[in-house]
Amino acid sequence: RFTRLSSTCCGRRDTKVRGVQPRTGLALSLEDLFVAQHEEFLDLHKDELEAYLASDELCIGREEVVFEAVMLWVYHGVEYRRPMLKDLLQHVRLALLHPNYFVQTVEGDKLIQNAPECYQLLHEARRYHILGNEMMSPRARPRRSTGFSEVIVVVGGCERMGSFNLPYTECYDPVTGEWTSLAKHPEYTKSEYAVCALRNDIIVSGGRINSSYVWMYNSQLNIWIRVASLNKGRWRHKMTVLLGKVYAVGGYDGQTCLSNVEVYDSFSNRWTKVAPMKEAVSCPAVTSCAGKLFVIGGEPYENSCSSKVQCYDPESDSWQLKACIPITKPNISAISLNHLIYVCGGLTKSIYCYDPSQDHWIHVGHTFSRQESCGMSVCNGKIYILGGRGENGEASDNIVCYDPASGIITCTAAMPRPISYKKKKIGCVTVV
């Protein structure tokens, strides 16, 4: 089964310190040489092998090669290497293996079947295959050499003064700083629609024109496709993905704010109603976290603001009120990362963090300028805040990066042009 494995760590062991991560710039290839039974590879110490497996610079064409290298090394001394299997497998990006390969080869391996300590890693990979980027893990990030990477996609928006809508769909790679143009949204002339990512595709729903229409962007084919329409047309609403389904929340129908919530199942291509919110709002901040949906703030009626946090439990199809957000501001944005929710915008510099397990808000940092209606997206384990409108009402082209692990906030780059919306945040999502 393990037929073509290699590593330039073979013959280079004198250039490494045991337990030290390989230096960037070294050729870290598992495919350059044919060494299926290479003694130096098979005799590597565990910490040396781990250092290579953990590196984002590992040069591979596909992640399956990494898995096969691990299993080859373990089987070479299975009697005493079996206890090391979990430590090594946690560096394999199992979520990125082809689903058929994962089922047939990984889950079919007898050694793994008899290693209960590895089951959590398998469960994580299965969740990613079903839920996509909703399941966040370092093991779901592609290595650079595969040619894939997490990118932020920005859909539409308004120009600097908000006079006309922009037709562009563009993706930004934070690692390279490069922007790439994608297929334009067919209805870019509409405004105040909602955007979210569903696995590796992008859903756009509602808007002032054709307010029930829903479009899906297929990232593999770079095309937009009409899918099932909303049951209730709306704009100034928000969408998020929870447990593999898309939720369209609240909004405005031209007469009143909506408490209506619909959920989209991509497998049946159907929208169905769920329990309405306790308070009807337009322009809220919406995100999913810890298996629940959170609606933060919003406008109960024109030129008003709410500080309420409404939480939806899909298991009971019910809503509860949680601790209010510390600010009562319009046009805020929210995103979740590592079981926490982060909120910014509202023409403040503040970034707030909400812990659903404690039902508690804290202030975690400041951005460089007061913005509202900005986009938020998680990419490579960091939070990116894009565009928005400043106190003078003009759109911004700033991209701010917030690293919750270190608390560091940096202004990383500029967008190709200033982008904002009048009554909603920038439509931006992360896909691979």
Protein backbone atom coordinates (compact mmCIF):
# COMPACT_ATOMS: atom_id res chain seq x y z
CA ARG A 1 0.00 0.00 0.00
CA PHE A 2 2.86 2.39 0.76
CA THR A 3 4.52 2.48 -2.64
CA ARG A 4 6.06 5.89 -3.22
CA LEU A 5 7.24 7.74 -0.14
CA SER A 6 10.19 10.02 0.25
CA SER A 7 11.71 12.72 2.37
CA THR A 8 14.67 14.98 2.00
CA CYS A 9 15.08 14.62 5.73
CA CYS A 10 16.86 11.42 4.67
CA GLY A 11 20.50 12.29 4.31
CA ARG A 12 19.94 15.69 6.04
CA ARG A 13 19.65 14.58 9.64
CA ASP A 14 22.94 16.23 10.51
CA THR A 15 21.42 19.63 9.64
CA LYS A 16 18.56 19.33 12.16
CA VAL A 17 18.35 19.52 15.91
CA ARG A 18 16.07 16.88 17.36
CA GLY A 19 12.68 18.28 18.30
CA VAL A 20 13.25 21.54 16.41
CA GLN A 21 10.89 22.61 13.63
CA PRO A 22 12.55 22.43 10.17
CA ARG A 23 13.71 25.84 9.00
CA THR A 24 11.73 27.66 6.32
CA GLY A 25 13.47 27.39 2.98
CA LEU A 26 14.66 23.81 3.33
CA ALA A 27 13.31 21.40 0.75
CA LEU A 28 10.85 19.43 2.85
CA SER A 29 9.54 17.05 0.21
CA LEU A 30 7.99 13.66 0.72
CA GLU A 31 7.67 13.01 -3.00
CA ASP A 32 10.98 13.98 -4.61
CA LEU A 33 12.75 10.67 -4.04
CA PHE A 34 11.66 7.06 -4.23
CA VAL A 35 12.45 5.74 -0.75
CA ALA A 36 9.59 3.42 0.10
CA GLN A 37 11.91 1.40 2.30
CA HIS A 38 14.63 4.02 2.87
CA GLU A 39 16.49 3.12 6.07
CA GLU A 40 17.13 6.69 7.15
CA PHE A 41 13.46 7.60 6.89
CA LEU A 42 12.32 4.50 8.72
CA ASP A 43 14.91 5.08 11.46
CA LEU A 44 13.99 8.72 12.11
CA HIS A 45 13.34 9.57 15.75
CA LYS A 46 9.72 10.41 16.58
CA ASP A 47 10.45 14.05 17.39
CA GLU A 48 12.32 14.49 14.10
CA LEU A 49 9.42 13.05 12.12
CA GLU A 50 6.91 15.15 14.07
CA ALA A 51 8.86 18.32 13.26
CA TYR A 52 8.52 17.63 9.54
CA LEU A 53 4.87 16.59 9.71
CA ALA A 54 3.91 19.74 11.63
CA SER A 55 5.47 22.11 9.10
CA ASP A 56 3.29 24.16 6.76
CA GLU A 57 6.31 24.22 4.44
CA LEU A 58 6.23 20.47 3.87
CA CYS A 59 6.32 19.98 0.09
CA ILE A 60 3.64 17.53 -0.97
CA GLY A 61 1.23 17.22 -3.84
CA ARG A 62 -1.49 15.76 -1.65
CA GLU A 63 -2.02 15.12 2.04
CA GLU A 64 -2.52 11.37 1.48
CA VAL A 65 1.27 11.08 1.11
CA VAL A 66 1.74 12.39 4.65
CA PHE A 67 -0.66 9.81 6.06
CA GLU A 68 1.09 7.01 4.20
CA ALA A 69 4.48 8.19 5.47
CA VAL A 70 3.22 8.07 9.06
CA MET A 71 1.78 4.59 8.68
CA LEU A 72 4.90 3.29 6.94
CA TRP A 73 7.06 4.59 9.81
CA VAL A 74 4.73 3.16 12.50
CA TYR A 75 4.39 -0.26 10.86
CA HIS A 76 8.18 -0.51 10.53
CA GLY A 77 8.38 -0.94 14.32
CA VAL A 78 4.74 -1.48 15.19
CA GLU A 79 5.38 -3.21 18.52
CA TYR A 80 6.92 -0.14 20.14
CA ARG A 81 5.68 2.61 17.79
CA ARG A 82 1.96 1.88 18.13
CA PRO A 83 1.62 4.19 21.21
CA MET A 84 3.06 7.02 19.10
CA LEU A 85 0.34 6.78 16.44
CA LYS A 86 -1.98 9.46 17.86
CA ASP A 87 0.88 11.96 18.34
CA LEU A 88 1.85 11.55 14.69
CA LEU A 89 -1.68 11.46 13.24
CA GLN A 90 -2.52 14.80 14.87
CA HIS A 91 -0.06 16.39 12.41
CA VAL A 92 -1.77 14.80 9.40
CA ARG A 93 -4.49 17.03 7.93
CA LEU A 94 -7.04 14.22 7.87
CA ALA A 95 -9.85 16.63 7.03
CA LEU A 96 -8.18 17.36 3.68
CA LEU A 97 -7.96 13.75 2.55
CA HIS A 98 -10.32 12.71 -0.23
CA PRO A 99 -13.49 11.38 1.49
CA ASN A 100 -13.28 8.04 -0.33
CA TYR A 101 -9.61 7.63 0.65
CA PHE A 102 -10.47 8.57 4.23
CA VAL A 103 -13.19 5.91 4.48
CA GLN A 104 -11.41 3.14 2.59
CA THR A 105 -7.80 3.61 3.69
CA VAL A 106 -7.75 5.55 6.97
CA GLU A 107 -10.84 4.18 8.70
CA GLY A 108 -10.18 0.79 7.12
CA ASP A 109 -6.72 0.46 8.67
CA LYS A 110 -6.72 -2.25 11.38
CA LEU A 111 -4.17 -0.45 13.53
CA ILE A 112 -6.30 2.72 13.59
CA GLN A 113 -9.48 0.73 14.19
CA ASN A 114 -7.87 -0.66 17.34
CA ALA A 115 -6.63 2.73 18.56
CA PRO A 116 -9.53 4.42 20.43
CA GLU A 117 -7.27 7.36 21.27
CA CYS A 118 -7.37 8.28 17.55
CA TYR A 119 -11.16 8.30 17.24
CA GLN A 120 -11.48 12.01 18.06
CA LEU A 121 -9.18 12.87 15.15
CA LEU A 122 -11.31 10.73 12.83
CA HIS A 123 -14.48 12.36 14.13
CA GLU A 124 -13.04 15.81 13.47
CA ALA A 125 -12.24 14.87 9.87
CA ARG A 126 -15.74 13.46 9.29
CA ARG A 127 -17.29 16.68 10.64
CA TYR A 128 -15.19 18.72 8.22
CA HIS A 129 -16.29 16.57 5.28
CA ILE A 130 -19.92 17.36 6.22
CA LEU A 131 -19.70 20.91 7.59
CA GLY A 132 -16.72 22.38 5.73
CA ASN A 133 -15.13 25.54 7.14
CA GLU A 134 -17.75 25.69 9.88
CA MET A 135 -15.55 23.11 11.62
CA MET A 136 -12.41 25.13 12.42
CA SER A 137 -9.16 23.30 13.10
CA PRO A 138 -5.47 23.71 12.21
CA ARG A 139 -5.79 20.30 10.58
CA ALA A 140 -8.22 21.78 8.06
CA ARG A 141 -5.72 24.32 6.71
CA PRO A 142 -3.98 23.29 3.47
CA ARG A 143 -0.19 23.25 3.29
CA ARG A 144 1.08 25.88 0.88
CA SER A 145 2.73 23.35 -1.44
CA THR A 146 -0.62 21.74 -2.30
CA GLY A 147 -1.62 24.84 -4.25
CA PHE A 148 -4.63 25.38 -1.99
CA SER A 149 -5.01 28.01 0.72
CA GLU A 150 -7.64 29.73 2.80
CA VAL A 151 -8.75 32.94 1.11
CA ILE A 152 -11.22 35.69 1.95
CA VAL A 153 -13.84 36.35 -0.73
CA VAL A 154 -15.44 39.81 -0.90
CA VAL A 155 -18.78 40.04 -2.72
CA GLY A 156 -20.11 43.33 -4.09
CA GLY A 157 -20.44 46.40 -1.91
CA CYS A 158 -20.76 50.13 -2.56
CA GLU A 159 -18.13 52.59 -3.75
CA ARG A 160 -16.62 55.28 -1.51
CA MET A 161 -19.70 57.50 -1.14
CA GLY A 162 -22.30 54.71 -1.50
CA SER A 163 -23.72 56.09 -4.75
CA PHE A 164 -23.61 52.86 -6.75
CA ASN A 165 -23.10 49.14 -6.22
CA LEU A 166 -19.91 47.38 -7.22
CA PRO A 167 -19.98 44.32 -9.51
CA TYR A 168 -16.81 42.68 -8.21
CA THR A 169 -16.31 39.33 -6.54
CA GLU A 170 -12.68 39.06 -5.46
CA CYS A 171 -10.61 36.84 -3.20
CA TYR A 172 -7.71 37.87 -0.97
CA ASP A 173 -4.90 35.59 0.20
CA PRO A 174 -3.54 37.03 3.48
CA VAL A 175 -0.32 35.01 3.16
CA THR A 176 0.69 36.35 -0.27
CA GLY A 177 -1.28 39.60 -0.14
CA GLU A 178 -2.65 38.87 -3.62
CA TRP A 179 -6.14 39.68 -4.89
CA THR A 180 -7.81 37.57 -7.59
CA SER A 181 -10.95 38.42 -9.56
CA LEU A 182 -13.75 35.84 -9.64
CA ALA A 183 -17.01 35.58 -11.59
CA LYS A 184 -19.21 38.63 -11.02
CA HIS A 185 -22.47 38.20 -9.15
CA PRO A 186 -25.31 38.16 -11.74
CA GLU A 187 -27.42 40.58 -9.68
CA TYR A 188 -24.72 42.92 -8.47
CA THR A 189 -26.98 45.93 -9.06
CA LYS A 190 -29.12 44.93 -6.08
CA SER A 191 -28.19 46.05 -2.56
CA GLU A 192 -28.52 44.99 1.06
CA TYR A 193 -28.37 41.26 0.40
CA ALA A 194 -26.80 38.72 2.77
CA VAL A 195 -23.72 36.56 2.18
CA CYS A 196 -22.33 33.46 3.88
CA ALA A 197 -20.11 30.48 3.07
CA LEU A 198 -21.53 26.96 2.87
CA ARG A 199 -18.66 24.50 2.90
CA ASN A 200 -16.52 25.81 -0.01
CA ASP A 201 -19.35 27.59 -1.81
CA ILE A 202 -20.92 31.01 -1.21
CA ILE A 203 -24.61 31.79 -0.74
CA VAL A 204 -26.13 35.22 -1.52
CA SER A 205 -29.78 35.79 -0.64
CA GLY A 206 -32.37 38.55 -0.81
CA GLY A 207 -31.70 42.21 -1.54
CA ARG A 208 -33.80 45.13 -2.68
CA ILE A 209 -34.32 43.69 -6.19
CA ASN A 210 -35.77 40.17 -6.49
CA SER A 211 -35.78 40.00 -2.71
CA SER A 212 -36.46 36.27 -2.51
CA TYR A 213 -33.78 35.18 -5.00
CA VAL A 214 -30.87 33.05 -3.79
CA TRP A 215 -27.63 32.48 -5.66
CA MET A 216 -24.83 30.01 -4.97
CA TYR A 217 -21.24 30.58 -6.10
CA ASN A 218 -19.50 27.30 -6.96
CA SER A 219 -15.84 27.85 -6.09
CA GLN A 220 -14.63 24.87 -8.12
CA LEU A 221 -16.29 26.00 -11.35
CA ASN A 222 -16.17 29.78 -10.71
CA ILE A 223 -19.83 30.20 -11.65
CA TRP A 224 -23.01 31.49 -9.99
CA ILE A 225 -26.09 29.22 -9.89
CA ARG A 226 -29.69 30.02 -8.94
CA VAL A 227 -30.95 27.81 -6.11
CA ALA A 228 -34.28 27.64 -4.27
CA SER A 229 -35.74 31.05 -3.41
CA LEU A 230 -36.52 32.28 0.08
CA ASN A 231 -40.10 31.78 1.20
CA LYS A 232 -40.13 35.36 2.46
CA GLY A 233 -38.38 38.05 0.44
CA ARG A 234 -36.18 40.35 2.50
CA TRP A 235 -33.18 42.65 2.66
CA ARG A 236 -31.06 44.06 5.49
CA HIS A 237 -31.01 40.51 6.87
CA LYS A 238 -28.05 38.30 7.75
CA MET A 239 -27.11 34.71 7.09
CA THR A 240 -24.89 32.20 8.83
CA VAL A 241 -24.24 28.47 8.66
CA LEU A 242 -25.08 26.20 11.58
CA LEU A 243 -24.51 22.44 11.48
CA GLY A 244 -24.28 22.40 7.70
CA LYS A 245 -27.44 24.43 7.04
CA VAL A 246 -27.87 28.09 6.06
CA TYR A 247 -30.02 30.37 8.23
CA ALA A 248 -31.54 33.60 6.86
CA VAL A 249 -32.36 35.79 9.85
CA GLY A 250 -34.63 38.81 10.22
CA GLY A 251 -34.36 41.74 7.84
CA TYR A 252 -36.86 44.12 6.28
CA ASP A 253 -39.57 43.50 3.68
CA GLY A 254 -40.28 47.10 2.69
CA GLN A 255 -42.91 47.62 5.38
CA THR A 256 -41.69 46.16 8.65
CA CYS A 257 -38.77 44.47 10.38
CA LEU A 258 -38.96 40.68 10.36
CA SER A 259 -38.73 38.10 13.13
CA ASN A 260 -38.96 35.40 10.47
CA VAL A 261 -36.10 32.87 10.20
CA GLU A 262 -35.63 30.36 7.37
CA VAL A 263 -33.17 27.49 7.06
CA TYR A 264 -31.77 26.13 3.78
CA ASP A 265 -30.80 22.49 3.26
CA SER A 266 -28.49 22.25 0.23
CA PHE A 267 -29.09 18.51 -0.12
CA SER A 268 -32.83 18.96 -0.68
CA ASN A 269 -32.49 22.52 -2.11
CA ARG A 270 -35.30 23.71 0.12
CA TRP A 271 -35.96 26.56 2.57
CA THR A 272 -38.14 25.87 5.62
CA LYS A 273 -39.35 28.12 8.43
CA VAL A 274 -38.14 27.66 12.00
CA ALA A 275 -39.21 29.41 15.20
CA PRO A 276 -39.23 33.21 14.84
CA MET A 277 -36.99 35.45 16.91
CA LYS A 278 -38.27 36.96 20.14
CA GLU A 279 -37.63 40.43 18.72
CA ALA A 280 -37.87 41.37 15.05
CA VAL A 281 -34.72 43.14 13.84
CA SER A 282 -33.02 44.24 10.66
CA CYS A 283 -29.27 44.73 10.22
CA PRO A 284 -28.23 42.53 13.17
CA ALA A 285 -24.87 40.85 13.63
CA VAL A 286 -25.34 37.10 13.21
CA THR A 287 -22.99 34.16 13.73
CA SER A 288 -23.06 30.55 14.90
CA CYS A 289 -21.04 29.29 17.84
CA ALA A 290 -20.98 26.15 19.99
CA GLY A 291 -23.89 24.57 18.12
CA LYS A 292 -26.20 27.57 18.44
CA LEU A 293 -27.11 30.67 16.41
CA PHE A 294 -26.61 34.15 17.88
CA VAL A 295 -28.38 37.32 16.73
CA ILE A 296 -26.66 40.35 18.24
CA GLY A 297 -28.19 43.81 18.29
CA GLY A 298 -29.92 45.07 15.17
CA GLU A 299 -32.66 47.62 14.50
CA PRO A 300 -36.15 46.80 15.87
CA TYR A 301 -37.45 49.71 13.79
CA GLU A 302 -35.98 52.49 11.67
CA ASN A 303 -33.20 54.53 13.33
CA SER A 304 -33.25 52.45 16.52
CA CYS A 305 -30.73 50.07 18.08
CA SER A 306 -31.01 46.98 20.25
CA SER A 307 -28.42 45.59 22.65
CA LYS A 308 -30.21 42.25 22.97
CA VAL A 309 -28.55 38.94 22.16
CA GLN A 310 -30.99 36.32 20.88
CA CYS A 311 -29.81 32.70 20.88
CA TYR A 312 -31.41 29.93 18.80
CA ASP A 313 -31.10 26.25 19.72
CA PRO A 314 -31.76 24.05 16.66
CA GLU A 315 -32.39 20.97 18.82
CA SER A 316 -35.35 22.51 20.64
CA ASP A 317 -36.27 25.00 17.87
CA SER A 318 -36.44 27.73 20.49
CA TRP A 319 -34.96 31.14 21.32
CA GLN A 320 -33.49 32.52 24.53
CA LEU A 321 -32.18 35.94 25.48
CA LYS A 322 -28.55 36.10 26.61
CA ALA A 323 -26.41 38.79 28.21
CA CYS A 324 -26.76 42.07 26.32
CA ILE A 325 -23.82 43.37 24.33
CA PRO A 326 -22.07 46.24 26.19
CA ILE A 327 -22.69 48.68 23.33
CA THR A 328 -25.93 49.74 21.68
CA LYS A 329 -24.79 50.62 18.19
CA PRO A 330 -26.08 50.05 14.65
CA ASN A 331 -24.23 48.25 11.87
CA ILE A 332 -22.03 45.96 13.98
CA SER A 333 -20.42 42.77 12.68
CA ALA A 334 -19.75 39.41 14.35
CA ILE A 335 -17.67 36.28 13.76
CA SER A 336 -16.90 33.20 15.83
CA LEU A 337 -13.53 31.56 16.46
CA ASN A 338 -12.57 28.80 18.91
CA HIS A 339 -15.99 28.76 20.64
CA LEU A 340 -15.97 32.53 21.21
CA ILE A 341 -17.80 35.36 19.41
CA TYR A 342 -16.07 38.60 18.41
CA VAL A 343 -17.92 41.82 17.57
CA CYS A 344 -16.72 45.13 16.13
CA GLY A 345 -18.12 48.11 14.23
CA GLY A 346 -20.88 50.50 15.22
CA LEU A 347 -18.56 53.48 14.63
CA THR A 348 -16.41 52.43 17.57
CA LYS A 349 -12.81 51.24 17.73
CA SER A 350 -13.68 48.51 20.22
CA ILE A 351 -13.55 44.74 19.73
CA TYR A 352 -15.71 42.76 22.16
CA CYS A 353 -15.61 39.04 22.90
CA TYR A 354 -18.54 36.93 24.10
CA ASP A 355 -18.10 33.54 25.76
CA PRO A 356 -21.33 31.51 25.34
CA SER A 357 -20.27 29.05 28.05
CA GLN A 358 -20.11 31.90 30.59
CA ASP A 359 -22.73 34.19 29.01
CA HIS A 360 -20.26 37.02 29.51
CA TRP A 361 -18.84 39.88 27.43
CA ILE A 362 -15.36 41.40 27.71
CA HIS A 363 -13.49 44.12 25.83
CA VAL A 364 -10.42 42.67 24.08
CA GLY A 365 -8.92 45.40 21.92
CA HIS A 366 -9.12 48.49 19.74
CA THR A 367 -8.89 48.91 15.98
CA PHE A 368 -7.18 51.91 14.39
CA SER A 369 -10.27 53.88 13.39
CA ARG A 370 -14.00 54.06 14.02
CA GLN A 371 -15.83 51.95 11.46
CA GLU A 372 -19.28 50.53 10.87
CA SER A 373 -20.71 48.04 8.36
CA CYS A 374 -17.30 46.38 8.05
CA GLY A 375 -16.76 42.80 6.99
CA MET A 376 -15.37 40.15 9.35
CA SER A 377 -13.91 36.80 8.42
CA VAL A 378 -11.69 34.17 10.03
CA CYS A 379 -8.72 33.04 7.94
CA ASN A 380 -5.73 30.96 9.06
CA GLY A 381 -6.82 31.23 12.68
CA LYS A 382 -6.97 35.04 12.71
CA ILE A 383 -9.79 37.55 12.40
CA TYR A 384 -9.79 39.97 9.48
CA ILE A 385 -11.82 43.19 9.50
CA LEU A 386 -12.33 44.62 6.02
CA GLY A 387 -13.55 47.96 4.75
CA GLY A 388 -16.59 49.60 6.27
CA ARG A 389 -17.54 53.25 6.63
CA GLY A 390 -15.88 55.86 8.81
CA GLU A 391 -17.30 58.80 10.74
CA ASN A 392 -17.28 60.92 7.57
CA GLY A 393 -19.56 58.41 5.84
CA GLU A 394 -16.91 57.38 3.32
CA ALA A 395 -15.96 53.78 2.63
CA SER A 396 -12.58 52.45 3.74
CA ASP A 397 -10.08 50.17 2.00
CA ASN A 398 -8.33 49.10 5.23
CA ILE A 399 -7.75 45.48 6.21
CA VAL A 400 -7.14 44.97 9.92
CA CYS A 401 -5.92 41.64 11.33
CA TYR A 402 -6.64 40.64 14.93
CA ASP A 403 -4.88 37.62 16.42
CA PRO A 404 -6.87 36.51 19.50
CA ALA A 405 -4.04 34.21 20.60
CA SER A 406 -1.58 37.08 21.02
CA GLY A 407 -3.96 40.03 21.23
CA ILE A 408 -1.99 41.76 18.47
CA ILE A 409 -3.91 44.01 16.04
CA THR A 410 -2.21 45.07 12.81
CA CYS A 411 -3.21 46.97 9.68
CA THR A 412 -2.09 44.40 7.12
CA ALA A 413 -2.96 45.70 3.66
CA ALA A 414 -5.38 47.70 1.57
CA MET A 415 -8.28 46.45 -0.50
CA PRO A 416 -8.24 47.17 -4.27
CA ARG A 417 -10.79 49.91 -3.62
CA PRO A 418 -12.79 51.34 -0.69
CA ILE A 419 -15.88 49.20 -0.07
CA SER A 420 -18.87 49.48 2.23
CA TYR A 421 -22.64 49.15 2.40
CA LYS A 422 -25.24 51.62 3.54
CA LYS A 423 -27.23 49.30 5.80
CA LYS A 424 -25.21 46.11 6.12
CA LYS A 425 -21.69 44.83 6.46
CA ILE A 426 -19.44 43.90 3.56
CA GLY A 427 -20.21 40.45 2.21
CA CYS A 428 -17.00 38.57 2.95
CA VAL A 429 -16.41 34.90 3.73
CA THR A 430 -13.51 32.46 3.89
CA VAL A 431 -13.19 29.44 1.60
CA VAL A 432 -10.35 27.13 0.56
